Amino acid sequence: MTEARIRLRLNQQQLELIDNSVKAGESGGREELVLRALRAFAADHLPPTDREKAR
């Protein structure tokens, strides 16, 4: 798997939503939650060959 570095810009409301999800036990932390969201997005939007790279 190839690693890629991305930078997200989130506003205060988005950060609060992420933090509330973490507090509710939906994830172990911000990073884990964002990675899960990116993987879900990739599964829905990338061609099959690129999907494998996103895992």
N, C-alpha and C. Protein backbone atom coordinates (compact mmCIF):
# COMPACT_ATOMS: atom_id res chain seq x y z
N MET A 1 0.85 -1.18 0.00
CA MET A 1 0.00 0.00 0.00
C MET A 1 0.89 1.23 0.00
N THR A 2 0.53 2.21 -0.80
CA THR A 2 1.25 3.46 -0.87
C THR A 2 0.67 4.43 0.15
N GLU A 3 1.55 5.11 0.83
CA GLU A 3 1.09 6.10 1.80
C GLU A 3 0.99 7.46 1.13
N ALA A 4 0.01 8.22 1.54
CA ALA A 4 -0.17 9.57 1.04
C ALA A 4 -0.47 10.48 2.23
N ARG A 5 0.03 11.66 2.16
CA ARG A 5 -0.24 12.63 3.21
C ARG A 5 -1.27 13.61 2.67
N ILE A 6 -2.30 13.85 3.45
CA ILE A 6 -3.31 14.82 3.07
C ILE A 6 -3.46 15.83 4.20
N ARG A 7 -3.98 16.97 3.85
CA ARG A 7 -4.24 18.00 4.85
C ARG A 7 -5.71 18.36 4.76
N LEU A 8 -6.38 18.32 5.90
CA LEU A 8 -7.79 18.68 5.97
C LEU A 8 -7.93 20.03 6.66
N ARG A 9 -8.82 20.82 6.15
CA ARG A 9 -9.18 22.06 6.84
C ARG A 9 -10.62 21.89 7.28
N LEU A 10 -10.80 21.87 8.57
CA LEU A 10 -12.13 21.71 9.14
C LEU A 10 -12.48 22.94 9.95
N ASN A 11 -13.74 23.34 9.86
CA ASN A 11 -14.15 24.47 10.68
C ASN A 11 -14.51 23.98 12.09
N GLN A 12 -14.81 24.89 12.96
CA GLN A 12 -15.07 24.55 14.36
C GLN A 12 -16.24 23.57 14.50
N GLN A 13 -17.28 23.78 13.74
CA GLN A 13 -18.45 22.90 13.82
C GLN A 13 -18.09 21.47 13.39
N GLN A 14 -17.31 21.34 12.34
CA GLN A 14 -16.89 20.01 11.89
C GLN A 14 -16.04 19.30 12.93
N LEU A 15 -15.12 20.05 13.55
CA LEU A 15 -14.31 19.47 14.62
C LEU A 15 -15.17 19.03 15.80
N GLU A 16 -16.16 19.82 16.13
CA GLU A 16 -17.05 19.46 17.23
C GLU A 16 -17.84 18.20 16.90
N LEU A 17 -18.28 18.06 15.67
CA LEU A 17 -18.99 16.84 15.26
C LEU A 17 -18.09 15.62 15.37
N ILE A 18 -16.86 15.76 14.93
CA ILE A 18 -15.89 14.66 15.04
C ILE A 18 -15.65 14.32 16.51
N ASP A 19 -15.42 15.34 17.31
CA ASP A 19 -15.15 15.11 18.73
C ASP A 19 -16.36 14.47 19.43
N ASN A 20 -17.55 14.88 19.07
CA ASN A 20 -18.75 14.28 19.65
C ASN A 20 -18.89 12.81 19.25
N SER A 21 -18.52 12.50 18.02
CA SER A 21 -18.55 11.10 17.57
C SER A 21 -17.55 10.27 18.36
N VAL A 22 -16.39 10.83 18.60
CA VAL A 22 -15.36 10.13 19.38
C VAL A 22 -15.85 9.93 20.81
N LYS A 23 -16.43 10.97 21.40
CA LYS A 23 -16.95 10.87 22.77
C LYS A 23 -18.06 9.83 22.87
N ALA A 24 -18.84 9.67 21.80
CA ALA A 24 -19.94 8.72 21.79
C ALA A 24 -19.44 7.29 21.59
N GLY A 25 -18.14 7.13 21.40
CA GLY A 25 -17.57 5.81 21.25
C GLY A 25 -17.60 5.26 19.84
N GLU A 26 -17.87 6.10 18.87
CA GLU A 26 -17.92 5.66 17.48
C GLU A 26 -16.53 5.45 16.89
N SER A 27 -15.52 5.92 17.59
CA SER A 27 -14.15 5.82 17.10
C SER A 27 -13.18 6.01 18.26
N GLY A 28 -11.95 5.58 18.05
CA GLY A 28 -10.94 5.73 19.08
C GLY A 28 -10.30 7.10 19.09
N GLY A 29 -10.51 7.89 18.03
CA GLY A 29 -9.92 9.22 17.97
C GLY A 29 -10.22 9.88 16.64
N ARG A 30 -9.82 11.12 16.54
CA ARG A 30 -10.07 11.89 15.31
C ARG A 30 -9.47 11.21 14.09
N GLU A 31 -8.20 10.81 14.21
CA GLU A 31 -7.51 10.22 13.06
C GLU A 31 -8.23 8.97 12.56
N GLU A 32 -8.60 8.11 13.49
CA GLU A 32 -9.29 6.86 13.12
C GLU A 32 -10.61 7.16 12.42
N LEU A 33 -11.35 8.12 12.92
CA LEU A 33 -12.64 8.47 12.33
C LEU A 33 -12.47 9.05 10.93
N VAL A 34 -11.49 9.91 10.75
CA VAL A 34 -11.24 10.51 9.43
C VAL A 34 -10.78 9.43 8.44
N LEU A 35 -9.91 8.54 8.87
CA LEU A 35 -9.46 7.46 7.97
C LEU A 35 -10.63 6.58 7.55
N ARG A 36 -11.51 6.28 8.48
CA ARG A 36 -12.69 5.46 8.14
C ARG A 36 -13.57 6.18 7.12
N ALA A 37 -13.74 7.48 7.31
CA ALA A 37 -14.55 8.26 6.37
C ALA A 37 -13.90 8.31 4.99
N LEU A 38 -12.59 8.47 4.95
CA LEU A 38 -11.88 8.50 3.66
C LEU A 38 -11.98 7.15 2.94
N ARG A 39 -11.87 6.06 3.69
CA ARG A 39 -12.00 4.74 3.08
C ARG A 39 -13.40 4.52 2.53
N ALA A 40 -14.41 4.96 3.26
CA ALA A 40 -15.79 4.82 2.78
C ALA A 40 -16.00 5.65 1.52
N PHE A 41 -15.46 6.86 1.52
CA PHE A 41 -15.57 7.71 0.34
C PHE A 41 -14.89 7.05 -0.87
N ALA A 42 -13.69 6.53 -0.65
CA ALA A 42 -12.94 5.88 -1.74
C ALA A 42 -13.71 4.68 -2.27
N ALA A 43 -14.31 3.91 -1.39
CA ALA A 43 -15.07 2.73 -1.82
C ALA A 43 -16.24 3.11 -2.71
N ASP A 44 -16.83 4.26 -2.44
CA ASP A 44 -17.99 4.71 -3.21
C ASP A 44 -17.63 5.48 -4.47
N HIS A 45 -16.43 6.07 -4.53
CA HIS A 45 -16.14 7.00 -5.62
C HIS A 45 -14.95 6.65 -6.51
N LEU A 46 -14.08 5.76 -6.09
CA LEU A 46 -12.90 5.44 -6.89
C LEU A 46 -13.14 4.21 -7.75
N PRO A 47 -12.48 4.14 -8.91
CA PRO A 47 -12.57 2.93 -9.73
C PRO A 47 -12.01 1.73 -8.96
N PRO A 48 -12.39 0.52 -9.33
CA PRO A 48 -11.97 -0.68 -8.58
C PRO A 48 -10.46 -0.78 -8.36
N THR A 49 -9.62 -0.46 -9.34
CA THR A 49 -8.18 -0.59 -9.15
C THR A 49 -7.67 0.39 -8.11
N ASP A 50 -8.23 1.60 -8.05
CA ASP A 50 -7.82 2.59 -7.08
C ASP A 50 -8.36 2.27 -5.68
N ARG A 51 -9.49 1.58 -5.62
CA ARG A 51 -10.06 1.20 -4.34
C ARG A 51 -9.12 0.32 -3.54
N GLU A 52 -8.46 -0.60 -4.24
CA GLU A 52 -7.53 -1.50 -3.57
C GLU A 52 -6.38 -0.73 -2.95
N LYS A 53 -5.93 0.32 -3.61
CA LYS A 53 -4.84 1.14 -3.09
C LYS A 53 -5.26 1.92 -1.84
N ALA A 54 -6.56 2.23 -1.74
CA ALA A 54 -7.06 3.04 -0.63
C ALA A 54 -7.20 2.25 0.66
N ARG A 55 -7.12 0.94 0.61
CA ARG A 55 -7.32 0.12 1.81
C ARG A 55 -6.16 0.15 2.70
